[in-house]
Amino acid sequence: MSAATRRHQGNVVFTVLVTVAMLAGAGVMALVLASSGAPDALVLGILLAAVPVGPLVAIFLWLDRYEPEPRSLILLALGWGALVSTAAALVLQTLDQFAFGRPESMSAAIVAPITEEAMKGLFVLLLVVARRRVVDGVLDGIVYAGMVGVGFAFTENILYLASAYMGGDGIGAGGAGALTGTFVVRGIFSPFAHPLFTAAIGIGIGYAVTTRSSFWRVAAPLLGYAVAVLAHALWNGAALLGGGEAFVLTYLFLMVPAFLLMAGFAVWARRREGQMLARSLADAAQRGYLMPYEVPWLARISGRRAARAHARSIGGEPGLRAMQDYQEQAIELGFLHDRFLRGTAPADVIPRGQAMVDRLTVLRPHVLFPQAPGTTALTQPWLEGRP
């Protein structure tokens, strides 16, 4: 079986599994939401739960700028978190309470972290197994895991906000005051909680795909999952079992430092990814895969923007599309070439790399790069005859 056939089969399996899972999850969550019997509470819950989604998604897209992931997969990650992870975790926790009769507080502090992080991390694992080319390293793992966490938090917040508004046993009188308090805690002070937990799994899986150690290929995802579960359990336990003082202390001395540490690590990984891409493309240019002066227009985000603006001003929309295609293909080549240089390239690195170089060769006559200082039409021959 050829590599292309295996990739096609992996894509088909991934698409079928995710589609079926999301349909089932949507059905379960529709039943859960419909059973609440309070449309006004659900509307308020949806509106308020959506408030932190935009900023969180923007942060992860900013981290993803050096090698932007397919928007279709980003949307699938959000949908998986919002529908599949929430539905599956809810079903598993209900079965646990039915089978073992655990009190709700214990289920929330122990069972919920185990089941929720497992179902969230499953999406990233499926990507690695079925769509192996998509996850290139730690930053990709953080982005996909974070997006799943954002989707999960959105749906969970709807349920919490609607319950707070309706009130009832163990909740209080409900109404606008309870709704506002819940929104402040979940939507303003801790919207990053679920993305933070699941990002640990993404780091583990992202590291596993880049290491040459067979031990860490297995241990890193498991360690990431353990960290996610532990952090999640401490957060839930403090909120449900420790009282208000324990919750505040956990937030200030655990969650905030963990968030800052994760944010710093993500920014460092993003900067490191940019430096890696510049080195890799420079080496690829030395080997004749690219023109050396193209590298700044490909490796730097500001250079990419300037190159696209120039291409549009000279060649219109066709010129812009050609530049975008060329940049995307060159970036993919840069990441693959880096893995080749580090000795962690996949088995099909040669045919994949050759296909990318061939694609760049086809696109090059249609690409309109800005003319760098000191260059002439001899070093940019495809600009000859163009206005």
Protein backbone atom coordinates (compact mmCIF):
# COMPACT_ATOMS: atom_id res chain seq x y z
CA MET A 1 0.00 0.00 0.00
CA SER A 2 1.44 3.36 -1.04
CA ALA A 3 1.94 6.25 1.35
CA ALA A 4 -0.64 8.30 -0.55
CA THR A 5 -3.21 5.52 -0.15
CA ARG A 6 -2.52 5.26 3.58
CA ARG A 7 -2.90 9.03 3.97
CA HIS A 8 -6.20 8.95 2.08
CA GLN A 9 -7.51 6.12 4.23
CA GLY A 10 -6.40 7.94 7.38
CA ASN A 11 -8.23 11.08 6.26
CA VAL A 12 -11.39 9.09 5.53
CA VAL A 13 -11.29 7.30 8.90
CA PHE A 14 -10.69 10.56 10.74
CA THR A 15 -13.52 12.33 8.92
CA VAL A 16 -15.99 9.51 9.54
CA LEU A 17 -15.08 9.13 13.22
CA VAL A 18 -15.25 12.85 13.95
CA THR A 19 -18.49 13.29 11.99
CA VAL A 20 -20.24 10.42 13.76
CA ALA A 21 -18.92 11.52 17.15
CA MET A 22 -20.03 15.13 16.64
CA LEU A 23 -23.50 14.09 15.48
CA ALA A 24 -23.89 11.86 18.52
CA GLY A 25 -22.55 14.56 20.81
CA ALA A 26 -24.87 17.15 19.31
CA GLY A 27 -27.82 14.83 19.93
CA VAL A 28 -26.89 14.27 23.56
CA MET A 29 -26.30 17.94 24.27
CA ALA A 30 -29.54 18.91 22.52
CA LEU A 31 -31.43 16.57 24.85
CA VAL A 32 -29.61 17.94 27.89
CA LEU A 33 -30.32 21.54 26.95
CA ALA A 34 -33.93 20.87 25.93
CA SER A 35 -34.62 19.07 29.20
CA SER A 36 -33.83 22.21 31.18
CA GLY A 37 -37.24 23.60 30.25
CA ALA A 38 -36.04 27.22 30.54
CA PRO A 39 -35.47 28.83 27.11
CA ASP A 40 -34.75 32.27 28.57
CA ALA A 41 -32.02 30.84 30.81
CA LEU A 42 -30.44 29.01 27.88
CA VAL A 43 -30.42 32.14 25.74
CA LEU A 44 -28.72 34.11 28.49
CA GLY A 45 -26.29 31.25 29.08
CA ILE A 46 -25.35 31.03 25.41
CA LEU A 47 -24.84 34.78 25.07
CA LEU A 48 -22.66 35.08 28.16
CA ALA A 49 -20.74 31.87 27.47
CA ALA A 50 -19.81 33.23 24.03
CA VAL A 51 -18.17 36.36 25.48
CA PRO A 52 -14.73 34.84 26.31
CA VAL A 53 -14.66 32.57 23.24
CA GLY A 54 -13.55 35.26 20.79
CA PRO A 55 -10.53 36.51 22.79
CA LEU A 56 -9.40 32.96 23.59
CA VAL A 57 -9.63 31.84 19.95
CA ALA A 58 -7.74 34.97 18.89
CA ILE A 59 -4.92 34.16 21.31
CA PHE A 60 -4.48 30.64 19.95
CA LEU A 61 -4.65 31.86 16.35
CA TRP A 62 -1.93 34.39 17.19
CA LEU A 63 0.24 31.57 18.51
CA ASP A 64 -0.44 29.67 15.29
CA ARG A 65 0.72 32.37 12.86
CA TYR A 66 4.07 30.89 11.76
CA GLU A 67 2.47 27.72 10.41
CA PRO A 68 -1.28 28.35 10.35
CA GLU A 69 -3.29 25.18 10.82
CA PRO A 70 -6.19 24.44 8.45
CA ARG A 71 -9.19 26.44 9.55
CA SER A 72 -11.41 23.41 9.00
CA LEU A 73 -9.45 21.48 11.65
CA ILE A 74 -9.51 24.45 14.02
CA LEU A 75 -13.31 24.50 13.73
CA LEU A 76 -13.44 20.73 14.23
CA ALA A 77 -11.37 21.11 17.40
CA LEU A 78 -13.81 23.69 18.73
CA GLY A 79 -16.77 21.50 17.76
CA TRP A 80 -15.22 18.41 19.33
CA GLY A 81 -14.77 20.24 22.61
CA ALA A 82 -18.23 21.80 22.54
CA LEU A 83 -20.16 18.66 21.53
CA VAL A 84 -18.21 15.42 21.77
CA SER A 85 -16.11 15.98 24.87
CA THR A 86 -18.95 17.49 26.88
CA ALA A 87 -21.47 14.83 25.87
CA ALA A 88 -19.11 11.88 26.40
CA ALA A 89 -17.88 13.18 29.76
CA LEU A 90 -21.45 13.80 30.90
CA VAL A 91 -22.51 10.28 29.92
CA LEU A 92 -19.48 8.70 31.61
CA GLN A 93 -20.00 10.68 34.82
CA THR A 94 -23.70 9.76 34.88
CA LEU A 95 -22.85 6.08 34.44
CA ASP A 96 -20.27 6.32 37.21
CA GLN A 97 -22.77 7.83 39.63
CA PHE A 98 -25.36 5.22 38.69
CA ALA A 99 -22.95 2.28 38.99
CA PHE A 100 -20.95 3.33 42.06
CA GLY A 101 -23.21 5.86 43.74
CA ARG A 102 -20.45 8.40 44.27
CA PRO A 103 -21.58 11.74 45.71
CA GLU A 104 -21.67 14.58 43.22
CA SER A 105 -18.81 16.43 44.89
CA MET A 106 -16.49 13.42 44.61
CA SER A 107 -17.52 12.85 41.02
CA ALA A 108 -16.74 16.47 40.15
CA ALA A 109 -13.36 16.41 41.90
CA ILE A 110 -12.14 13.00 40.68
CA VAL A 111 -14.24 11.46 37.92
CA ALA A 112 -14.84 14.67 35.97
CA PRO A 113 -11.14 15.53 35.48
CA ILE A 114 -10.33 11.97 34.39
CA THR A 115 -13.15 11.68 31.88
CA GLU A 116 -13.16 15.26 30.59
CA GLU A 117 -9.43 15.48 29.95
CA ALA A 118 -9.44 12.05 28.30
CA MET A 119 -12.22 13.04 25.90
CA LYS A 120 -10.63 16.40 25.13
CA GLY A 121 -7.18 14.95 24.54
CA LEU A 122 -8.62 12.24 22.31
CA PHE A 123 -9.08 14.74 19.47
CA VAL A 124 -5.37 15.62 19.38
CA LEU A 125 -4.48 11.94 19.55
CA LEU A 126 -6.80 11.19 16.63
CA LEU A 127 -5.12 13.94 14.62
CA VAL A 128 -1.70 12.39 15.21
CA VAL A 129 -2.87 8.89 14.30
CA ALA A 130 -5.08 9.67 11.31
CA ARG A 131 -3.73 13.03 10.09
CA ARG A 132 -0.08 12.60 10.99
CA ARG A 133 1.18 15.54 8.94
CA VAL A 134 -0.96 18.07 10.79
CA VAL A 135 0.79 18.08 14.17
CA ASP A 136 4.44 19.10 13.70
CA GLY A 137 5.41 19.88 17.27
CA VAL A 138 4.59 21.29 20.67
CA LEU A 139 3.01 24.52 19.42
CA ASP A 140 0.57 22.63 17.17
CA GLY A 141 -0.35 20.45 20.13
CA ILE A 142 -1.02 23.52 22.28
CA VAL A 143 -3.18 25.14 19.59
CA TYR A 144 -5.38 22.12 18.91
CA ALA A 145 -5.70 21.15 22.57
CA GLY A 146 -6.43 24.74 23.52
CA MET A 147 -9.15 25.03 20.89
CA VAL A 148 -10.78 21.84 22.18
CA GLY A 149 -10.65 23.34 25.67
CA VAL A 150 -12.27 26.56 24.46
CA GLY A 151 -15.13 24.60 22.88
CA PHE A 152 -15.60 22.50 26.00
CA ALA A 153 -15.66 25.55 28.27
CA PHE A 154 -18.25 27.22 26.03
CA THR A 155 -20.78 24.40 26.40
CA GLU A 156 -20.03 23.81 30.07
CA ASN A 157 -20.47 27.51 30.80
CA ILE A 158 -23.87 27.47 29.11
CA LEU A 159 -25.00 24.76 31.52
CA TYR A 160 -23.55 26.50 34.59
CA LEU A 161 -24.89 29.92 33.66
CA ALA A 162 -28.37 28.61 32.86
CA SER A 163 -28.46 26.66 36.12
CA ALA A 164 -27.35 29.70 38.08
CA TYR A 165 -30.10 31.81 36.56
CA MET A 166 -32.80 29.19 37.24
CA GLY A 167 -31.62 28.48 40.80
CA GLY A 168 -32.81 25.43 42.71
CA ASP A 169 -31.50 22.90 45.18
CA GLY A 170 -27.89 23.55 46.13
CA ILE A 171 -27.71 26.61 43.89
CA GLY A 172 -29.76 29.27 45.60
CA ALA A 173 -32.52 31.58 44.54
CA GLY A 174 -31.07 32.16 41.09
CA GLY A 175 -31.88 35.22 39.03
CA ALA A 176 -29.67 37.98 37.66
CA GLY A 177 -27.45 38.13 40.75
CA ALA A 178 -26.52 34.44 40.63
CA LEU A 179 -26.06 34.64 36.85
CA THR A 180 -23.72 37.62 37.18
CA GLY A 181 -21.67 35.98 39.91
CA THR A 182 -21.24 32.80 37.89
CA PHE A 183 -20.26 34.76 34.79
CA VAL A 184 -17.65 36.77 36.69
CA VAL A 185 -16.04 33.59 38.07
CA ARG A 186 -16.19 31.50 34.88
CA GLY A 187 -16.21 34.07 32.09
CA ILE A 188 -13.87 36.75 33.41
CA PHE A 189 -11.57 35.31 36.07
CA SER A 190 -11.11 31.76 34.78
CA PRO A 191 -12.03 31.40 31.08
CA PHE A 192 -8.58 29.94 30.47
CA ALA A 193 -9.04 26.99 32.85
CA HIS A 194 -10.08 24.28 30.39
CA PRO A 195 -7.70 25.40 27.61
CA LEU A 196 -4.92 25.46 30.19
CA PHE A 197 -5.61 21.94 31.45
CA THR A 198 -5.83 20.38 28.00
CA ALA A 199 -2.82 22.29 26.68
CA ALA A 200 -0.70 20.03 28.90
CA ILE A 201 -1.90 17.06 26.84
CA GLY A 202 -1.13 18.97 23.65
CA ILE A 203 2.42 19.62 24.83
CA GLY A 204 2.92 15.93 25.59
CA ILE A 205 1.58 14.79 22.23
CA GLY A 206 3.43 17.54 20.37
CA TYR A 207 6.71 16.54 21.98
CA ALA A 208 6.08 12.88 21.24
CA VAL A 209 5.88 13.46 17.49
CA THR A 210 9.24 15.25 17.40
CA THR A 211 11.38 13.11 19.67
CA ARG A 212 13.57 10.22 18.57
CA SER A 213 13.14 8.48 21.95
CA SER A 214 10.68 5.58 21.82
CA PHE A 215 10.21 5.94 25.57
CA TRP A 216 9.09 9.59 25.39
CA ARG A 217 6.81 8.91 22.46
CA VAL A 218 4.67 6.97 24.90
CA ALA A 219 5.54 8.65 28.19
CA ALA A 220 5.15 12.30 27.08
CA PRO A 221 1.42 12.09 26.20
CA LEU A 222 0.71 10.11 29.37
CA LEU A 223 2.59 12.65 31.46
CA GLY A 224 0.71 15.50 29.78
CA TYR A 225 -2.59 13.76 30.53
CA ALA A 226 -1.59 13.22 34.17
CA VAL A 227 -0.70 16.91 34.56
CA ALA A 228 -4.01 17.95 32.99
CA VAL A 229 -6.03 15.66 35.27
CA LEU A 230 -4.14 16.76 38.40
CA ALA A 231 -4.55 20.48 37.66
CA HIS A 232 -8.21 19.97 36.80
CA ALA A 233 -8.82 17.94 39.97
CA LEU A 234 -7.18 20.57 42.18
CA TRP A 235 -9.28 23.29 40.56
CA ASN A 236 -12.57 21.41 40.92
CA GLY A 237 -11.74 20.22 44.41
CA ALA A 238 -10.96 23.73 45.60
CA ALA A 239 -14.17 25.07 44.08
CA LEU A 240 -16.46 22.36 45.46
CA LEU A 241 -14.85 21.00 48.60
CA GLY A 242 -12.61 23.68 50.03
CA GLY A 243 -14.96 26.61 50.40
CA GLY A 244 -14.49 30.15 49.20
CA GLU A 245 -11.14 30.76 50.89
CA ALA A 246 -9.58 27.61 49.44
CA PHE A 247 -10.90 28.52 46.01
CA VAL A 248 -9.37 32.01 46.14
CA LEU A 249 -6.02 30.64 47.36
CA THR A 250 -6.00 27.97 44.66
CA TYR A 251 -6.81 30.58 42.05
CA LEU A 252 -4.13 33.04 43.18
CA PHE A 253 -1.31 30.63 43.99
CA LEU A 254 -1.96 27.78 41.54
CA MET A 255 -4.10 28.77 38.59
CA VAL A 256 -2.68 32.23 37.91
CA PRO A 257 0.98 31.11 38.14
CA ALA A 258 0.19 28.05 36.00
CA PHE A 259 -1.50 30.25 33.42
CA LEU A 260 1.43 32.67 33.33
CA LEU A 261 3.87 29.77 33.06
CA MET A 262 1.90 28.22 30.21
CA ALA A 263 1.53 31.57 28.45
CA GLY A 264 5.26 32.21 28.73
CA PHE A 265 6.04 28.73 27.43
CA ALA A 266 3.66 29.16 24.49
CA VAL A 267 5.21 32.52 23.53
CA TRP A 268 8.69 30.99 23.81
CA ALA A 269 7.62 28.07 21.63
CA ARG A 270 6.18 30.48 19.06
CA ARG A 271 9.42 32.48 18.93
CA ARG A 272 11.47 29.30 18.72
CA GLU A 273 9.26 28.09 15.87
CA GLY A 274 9.95 31.29 13.94
CA GLN A 275 13.71 30.96 14.45
CA MET A 276 13.57 27.31 13.42
CA LEU A 277 11.64 28.14 10.26
CA ALA A 278 14.17 30.81 9.28
CA ARG A 279 17.09 28.38 9.77
CA SER A 280 15.34 25.59 7.93
CA LEU A 281 14.36 27.71 4.93
CA ALA A 282 17.87 29.19 4.75
CA ASP A 283 19.32 25.67 4.60
CA ALA A 284 16.71 24.67 2.00
CA ALA A 285 17.76 27.68 -0.08
CA GLN A 286 21.41 26.63 0.13
CA ARG A 287 20.39 23.24 -1.24
CA GLY A 288 18.63 24.88 -4.17
CA TYR A 289 15.03 24.26 -3.13
CA LEU A 290 14.35 28.02 -2.84
CA MET A 291 15.94 31.26 -3.92
CA PRO A 292 17.98 32.67 -1.00
CA TYR A 293 16.39 36.13 -1.15
CA GLU A 294 12.91 34.56 -0.79
CA VAL A 295 13.57 33.47 2.79
CA PRO A 296 12.75 36.81 4.52
CA TRP A 297 9.45 36.96 2.61
CA LEU A 298 8.59 33.46 3.86
CA ALA A 299 10.02 33.08 7.36
CA ARG A 300 8.99 36.41 8.88
CA ILE A 301 5.34 37.24 9.42
CA SER A 302 5.92 40.89 8.57
CA GLY A 303 7.73 39.80 5.42
CA ARG A 304 4.83 37.55 4.42
CA ARG A 305 2.38 40.42 4.78
CA ALA A 306 4.58 42.75 2.74
CA ALA A 307 5.04 40.13 0.02
CA ARG A 308 1.29 39.50 -0.21
CA ALA A 309 0.56 43.21 -0.37
CA HIS A 310 3.12 43.65 -3.15
CA ALA A 311 1.76 40.66 -5.07
CA ARG A 312 -1.76 42.04 -4.90
CA SER A 313 -0.68 45.53 -5.97
CA ILE A 314 1.16 44.15 -9.01
CA GLY A 315 -0.82 41.07 -9.96
CA GLY A 316 -4.24 41.62 -8.41
CA GLU A 317 -6.15 38.75 -6.85
CA PRO A 318 -4.41 36.06 -9.00
CA GLY A 319 -1.04 37.39 -7.85
CA LEU A 320 -2.17 37.37 -4.22
CA ARG A 321 -3.43 33.77 -4.46
CA ALA A 322 -0.19 32.64 -6.09
CA MET A 323 1.83 34.29 -3.32
CA GLN A 324 -0.32 32.74 -0.60
CA ASP A 325 -0.02 29.28 -2.17
CA TYR A 326 3.73 29.69 -2.55
CA GLN A 327 4.18 30.83 1.03
CA GLU A 328 2.04 28.03 2.44
CA GLN A 329 3.92 25.39 0.47
CA ALA A 330 7.32 26.83 1.38
CA ILE A 331 6.38 26.91 5.08
CA GLU A 332 5.32 23.26 4.95
CA LEU A 333 8.63 22.45 3.27
CA GLY A 334 10.47 24.38 5.98
CA PHE A 335 8.88 22.38 8.78
CA LEU A 336 9.48 19.08 7.01
CA HIS A 337 13.08 20.05 6.25
CA ASP A 338 13.67 20.93 9.90
CA ARG A 339 12.59 17.45 10.95
CA PHE A 340 14.96 16.04 8.32
CA LEU A 341 17.83 18.09 9.75
CA ARG A 342 17.02 16.93 13.30
CA GLY A 343 16.74 13.28 12.30
CA THR A 344 13.05 12.93 13.17
CA ALA A 345 11.62 13.05 9.65
CA PRO A 346 8.80 10.66 8.69
CA ALA A 347 9.52 7.69 6.46
CA ASP A 348 8.09 9.43 3.39
CA VAL A 349 10.21 12.56 3.77
CA ILE A 350 11.85 12.22 0.34
CA PRO A 351 8.69 11.89 -1.81
CA ARG A 352 6.89 14.47 0.32
CA GLY A 353 9.75 16.93 0.08
CA GLN A 354 10.12 16.39 -3.66
CA ALA A 355 6.41 16.96 -4.19
CA MET A 356 6.67 20.25 -2.28
CA VAL A 357 9.69 21.38 -4.31
CA ASP A 358 7.89 20.47 -7.53
CA ARG A 359 4.88 22.48 -6.44
CA LEU A 360 7.08 25.49 -5.68
CA THR A 361 8.66 25.17 -9.12
CA VAL A 362 5.23 25.26 -10.75
CA LEU A 363 4.15 28.28 -8.70
CA ARG A 364 7.36 30.30 -8.99
CA PRO A 365 6.73 31.87 -12.43
CA HIS A 366 3.48 33.31 -11.07
CA VAL A 367 4.91 34.70 -7.82
CA LEU A 368 5.63 38.43 -7.55
CA PHE A 369 8.12 39.00 -4.74
CA PRO A 370 9.15 42.51 -3.74
CA GLN A 371 12.52 43.28 -5.28
CA ALA A 372 15.05 43.23 -2.49
CA PRO A 373 17.74 45.93 -2.34
CA GLY A 374 20.63 45.08 -4.66
CA THR A 375 18.72 42.53 -6.72
CA THR A 376 17.98 42.73 -10.41
CA ALA A 377 15.80 40.97 -12.93
CA LEU A 378 18.60 38.41 -13.30
CA THR A 379 18.08 37.27 -9.72
CA GLN A 380 14.31 37.54 -10.06
CA PRO A 381 13.86 36.40 -13.68
CA TRP A 382 10.12 35.85 -13.46
CA LEU A 383 9.64 39.60 -12.99
CA GLU A 384 10.91 40.26 -16.55
CA GLY A 385 8.23 41.68 -18.73
CA ARG A 386 5.87 42.37 -15.81
CA PRO A 387 4.80 45.92 -14.96
